[in-house]
């Protein structure tokens, strides 16, 4: 069995990012007295909630693409593209929290990395099927 330390590290970092996003929502929930199960109220709470949900939605798509790419094409390139995705999502979250209209750059970077992982992973699978 091959060892995949890079993609494993990216996966753990993604879990940490999701935890930090959830903690930010919790902090905003307390700060602005938003009682569960409400998902609206103060604008900054709504921003925190959208950051968390958008990151979660993207992570569900990103993680399988990361691992399919790593297993079928290149662990090293999966790690590099995964790190770009993480950087994009962090940029996105920080920009969204400060000024939502500035989140586009982080979104674009993460989507480009995700697209490369998806296309590369598909190529690796097809190459394996053909061989």
C-alpha atoms as a PDB file:
ATOM      1  CA  UNK A   1       0.000   0.000   0.000  1.00  0.00           C
ATOM      2  CA  UNK A   2       1.273   3.440  -0.934  1.00  0.00           C
ATOM      3  CA  UNK A   3       1.754   6.106   1.692  1.00  0.00           C
ATOM      4  CA  UNK A   4      -0.098   9.436   1.193  1.00  0.00           C
ATOM      5  CA  UNK A   5       1.198  11.843   3.859  1.00  0.00           C
ATOM      6  CA  UNK A   6       0.551  15.003   1.812  1.00  0.00           C
ATOM      7  CA  UNK A   7      -3.098  14.371   0.985  1.00  0.00           C
ATOM      8  CA  UNK A   8      -3.619  13.120   4.553  1.00  0.00           C
ATOM      9  CA  UNK A   9      -2.203  16.389   5.899  1.00  0.00           C
ATOM     10  CA  UNK A  10      -4.428  18.407   3.536  1.00  0.00           C
ATOM     11  CA  UNK A  11      -7.423  16.360   4.716  1.00  0.00           C
ATOM     12  CA  UNK A  12      -6.605  17.069   8.365  1.00  0.00           C
ATOM     13  CA  UNK A  13      -6.102  20.764   7.592  1.00  0.00           C
ATOM     14  CA  UNK A  14      -9.502  20.787   5.862  1.00  0.00           C
ATOM     15  CA  UNK A  15     -11.040  19.299   9.015  1.00  0.00           C
ATOM     16  CA  UNK A  16      -9.360  22.026  11.060  1.00  0.00           C
ATOM     17  CA  UNK A  17     -10.701  24.701   8.702  1.00  0.00           C
ATOM     18  CA  UNK A  18     -14.218  23.296   9.086  1.00  0.00           C
ATOM     19  CA  UNK A  19     -13.799  23.318  12.882  1.00  0.00           C
ATOM     20  CA  UNK A  20     -12.600  26.941  12.869  1.00  0.00           C
ATOM     21  CA  UNK A  21     -15.558  27.967  10.695  1.00  0.00           C
ATOM     22  CA  UNK A  22     -17.979  26.225  13.077  1.00  0.00           C
ATOM     23  CA  UNK A  23     -16.310  27.879  16.081  1.00  0.00           C
ATOM     24  CA  UNK A  24     -16.694  31.282  14.399  1.00  0.00           C
ATOM     25  CA  UNK A  25     -20.409  30.641  13.937  1.00  0.00           C
ATOM     26  CA  UNK A  26     -20.671  29.627  17.597  1.00  0.00           C
ATOM     27  CA  UNK A  27     -18.814  32.720  18.712  1.00  0.00           C
ATOM     28  CA  UNK A  28     -21.097  34.943  16.632  1.00  0.00           C
ATOM     29  CA  UNK A  29     -24.155  33.080  17.913  1.00  0.00           C
ATOM     30  CA  UNK A  30     -23.164  33.932  21.499  1.00  0.00           C
ATOM     31  CA  UNK A  31     -21.972  37.471  20.735  1.00  0.00           C
ATOM     32  CA  UNK A  32     -25.179  38.452  18.931  1.00  0.00           C
ATOM     33  CA  UNK A  33     -27.553  36.320  21.058  1.00  0.00           C
ATOM     34  CA  UNK A  34     -28.807  34.178  18.176  1.00  0.00           C
ATOM     35  CA  UNK A  35     -30.603  31.244  19.792  1.00  0.00           C
ATOM     36  CA  UNK A  36     -30.461  27.842  18.088  1.00  0.00           C
ATOM     37  CA  UNK A  37     -31.936  26.726  15.737  1.00  0.00           C
ATOM     38  CA  UNK A  38     -32.133  30.231  14.206  1.00  0.00           C
ATOM     39  CA  UNK A  39     -29.856  30.820  11.227  1.00  0.00           C
ATOM     40  CA  UNK A  40     -30.551  34.508  10.776  1.00  0.00           C
ATOM     41  CA  UNK A  41     -30.346  37.638  12.861  1.00  0.00           C
ATOM     42  CA  UNK A  42     -27.330  39.915  13.032  1.00  0.00           C
ATOM     43  CA  UNK A  43     -25.637  40.423   9.633  1.00  0.00           C
ATOM     44  CA  UNK A  44     -22.223  39.295  10.944  1.00  0.00           C
ATOM     45  CA  UNK A  45     -23.756  36.073  12.258  1.00  0.00           C
ATOM     46  CA  UNK A  46     -25.330  35.454   8.849  1.00  0.00           C
ATOM     47  CA  UNK A  47     -21.948  36.030   7.195  1.00  0.00           C
ATOM     48  CA  UNK A  48     -20.286  33.576   9.597  1.00  0.00           C
ATOM     49  CA  UNK A  49     -23.000  31.021   8.927  1.00  0.00           C
ATOM     50  CA  UNK A  50     -22.616  31.385   5.132  1.00  0.00           C
ATOM     51  CA  UNK A  51     -18.830  31.045   5.427  1.00  0.00           C
ATOM     52  CA  UNK A  52     -19.309  27.809   7.359  1.00  0.00           C
ATOM     53  CA  UNK A  53     -21.932  26.376   5.033  1.00  0.00           C
ATOM     54  CA  UNK A  54     -20.116  27.365   1.829  1.00  0.00           C
ATOM     55  CA  UNK A  55     -16.889  25.837   3.144  1.00  0.00           C
ATOM     56  CA  UNK A  56     -18.684  22.650   4.185  1.00  0.00           C
ATOM     57  CA  UNK A  57     -20.420  22.371   0.802  1.00  0.00           C
ATOM     58  CA  UNK A  58     -17.101  22.798  -0.989  1.00  0.00           C
ATOM     59  CA  UNK A  59     -15.234  20.363   1.272  1.00  0.00           C
ATOM     60  CA  UNK A  60     -17.745  17.603   0.470  1.00  0.00           C
ATOM     61  CA  UNK A  61     -16.814  17.955  -3.214  1.00  0.00           C
ATOM     62  CA  UNK A  62     -13.123  18.668  -2.694  1.00  0.00           C
ATOM     63  CA  UNK A  63     -12.113  15.722  -0.497  1.00  0.00           C
ATOM     64  CA  UNK A  64     -13.131  12.917  -2.896  1.00  0.00           C
ATOM     65  CA  UNK A  65     -11.485  14.763  -5.800  1.00  0.00           C
ATOM     66  CA  UNK A  66      -8.296  15.164  -3.748  1.00  0.00           C
ATOM     67  CA  UNK A  67      -8.094  11.447  -2.962  1.00  0.00           C
ATOM     68  CA  UNK A  68      -9.060  10.210  -6.439  1.00  0.00           C
ATOM     69  CA  UNK A  69      -6.318  12.436  -7.871  1.00  0.00           C
ATOM     70  CA  UNK A  70      -3.768  11.298  -5.256  1.00  0.00           C
ATOM     71  CA  UNK A  71      -4.447   7.591  -5.732  1.00  0.00           C
ATOM     72  CA  UNK A  72      -4.762   7.606  -9.526  1.00  0.00           C
ATOM     73  CA  UNK A  73      -2.380  10.321 -10.681  1.00  0.00           C
ATOM     74  CA  UNK A  74       0.020  11.940  -8.193  1.00  0.00           C
ATOM     75  CA  UNK A  75       0.138  12.281  -4.431  1.00  0.00           C
ATOM     76  CA  UNK A  76       2.549  15.207  -4.675  1.00  0.00           C
ATOM     77  CA  UNK A  77       0.407  17.155  -7.151  1.00  0.00           C
ATOM     78  CA  UNK A  78      -2.706  16.353  -5.118  1.00  0.00           C
ATOM     79  CA  UNK A  79      -0.958  17.827  -2.092  1.00  0.00           C
ATOM     80  CA  UNK A  80       0.017  20.992  -3.991  1.00  0.00           C
ATOM     81  CA  UNK A  81      -3.441  21.480  -5.491  1.00  0.00           C
ATOM     82  CA  UNK A  82      -5.047  20.662  -2.149  1.00  0.00           C
ATOM     83  CA  UNK A  83      -2.888  23.295  -0.466  1.00  0.00           C
ATOM     84  CA  UNK A  84      -4.023  25.812  -3.100  1.00  0.00           C
ATOM     85  CA  UNK A  85      -7.644  24.871  -2.425  1.00  0.00           C
ATOM     86  CA  UNK A  86      -7.071  25.399   1.310  1.00  0.00           C
ATOM     87  CA  UNK A  87      -5.370  28.747   0.719  1.00  0.00           C
ATOM     88  CA  UNK A  88      -8.287  29.811  -1.465  1.00  0.00           C
ATOM     89  CA  UNK A  89     -10.862  28.782   1.125  1.00  0.00           C
ATOM     90  CA  UNK A  90      -9.000  30.589   3.914  1.00  0.00           C
ATOM     91  CA  UNK A  91      -8.701  33.697   1.720  1.00  0.00           C
ATOM     92  CA  UNK A  92     -12.417  33.380   0.913  1.00  0.00           C
ATOM     93  CA  UNK A  93     -13.419  33.077   4.580  1.00  0.00           C
ATOM     94  CA  UNK A  94     -11.285  35.986   5.774  1.00  0.00           C
ATOM     95  CA  UNK A  95     -12.391  38.241   2.920  1.00  0.00           C
ATOM     96  CA  UNK A  96     -16.054  37.309   3.369  1.00  0.00           C
ATOM     97  CA  UNK A  97     -15.885  38.043   7.102  1.00  0.00           C
ATOM     98  CA  UNK A  98     -14.342  41.501   6.481  1.00  0.00           C
ATOM     99  CA  UNK A  99     -16.226  42.597   3.360  1.00  0.00           C
ATOM    100  CA  UNK A 100     -18.388  40.011   1.545  1.00  0.00           C
ATOM    101  CA  UNK A 101     -17.964  41.661  -1.854  1.00  0.00           C
ATOM    102  CA  UNK A 102     -14.194  40.904  -1.745  1.00  0.00           C
ATOM    103  CA  UNK A 103     -14.510  37.104  -1.449  1.00  0.00           C
ATOM    104  CA  UNK A 104     -14.206  36.462  -5.204  1.00  0.00           C
ATOM    105  CA  UNK A 105     -10.435  35.933  -5.373  1.00  0.00           C
ATOM    106  CA  UNK A 106     -10.434  33.193  -2.766  1.00  0.00           C
ATOM    107  CA  UNK A 107     -13.435  31.553  -4.376  1.00  0.00           C
ATOM    108  CA  UNK A 108     -11.744  31.586  -7.792  1.00  0.00           C
ATOM    109  CA  UNK A 109      -8.482  30.115  -6.471  1.00  0.00           C
ATOM    110  CA  UNK A 110     -10.284  27.292  -4.660  1.00  0.00           C
ATOM    111  CA  UNK A 111     -12.475  26.517  -7.682  1.00  0.00           C
ATOM    112  CA  UNK A 112      -9.478  26.398 -10.028  1.00  0.00           C
ATOM    113  CA  UNK A 113      -7.688  23.994  -7.681  1.00  0.00           C
ATOM    114  CA  UNK A 114     -10.842  21.893  -7.348  1.00  0.00           C
ATOM    115  CA  UNK A 115     -11.281  21.811 -11.128  1.00  0.00           C
ATOM    116  CA  UNK A 116      -7.693  20.682 -11.627  1.00  0.00           C
ATOM    117  CA  UNK A 117      -8.150  17.930  -9.043  1.00  0.00           C
ATOM    118  CA  UNK A 118     -11.407  16.773 -10.636  1.00  0.00           C
ATOM    119  CA  UNK A 119     -10.105  16.754 -14.193  1.00  0.00           C
ATOM    120  CA  UNK A 120      -6.771  15.236 -13.203  1.00  0.00           C
ATOM    121  CA  UNK A 121      -8.439  12.588 -11.092  1.00  0.00           C
ATOM    122  CA  UNK A 122     -10.789  11.693 -13.946  1.00  0.00           C
ATOM    123  CA  UNK A 123      -7.821  11.459 -16.319  1.00  0.00           C
ATOM    124  CA  UNK A 124      -5.982   9.192 -13.868  1.00  0.00           C
ATOM    125  CA  UNK A 125      -8.986   6.877 -13.544  1.00  0.00           C
ATOM    126  CA  UNK A 126      -9.555   6.732 -17.312  1.00  0.00           C
ATOM    127  CA  UNK A 127      -5.850   6.107 -17.923  1.00  0.00           C
ATOM    128  CA  UNK A 128      -6.004   3.207 -15.481  1.00  0.00           C
ATOM    129  CA  UNK A 129      -9.071   1.768 -17.168  1.00  0.00           C
ATOM    130  CA  UNK A 130      -7.478   1.956 -20.611  1.00  0.00           C
ATOM    131  CA  UNK A 131      -4.150   0.415 -19.527  1.00  0.00           C
END
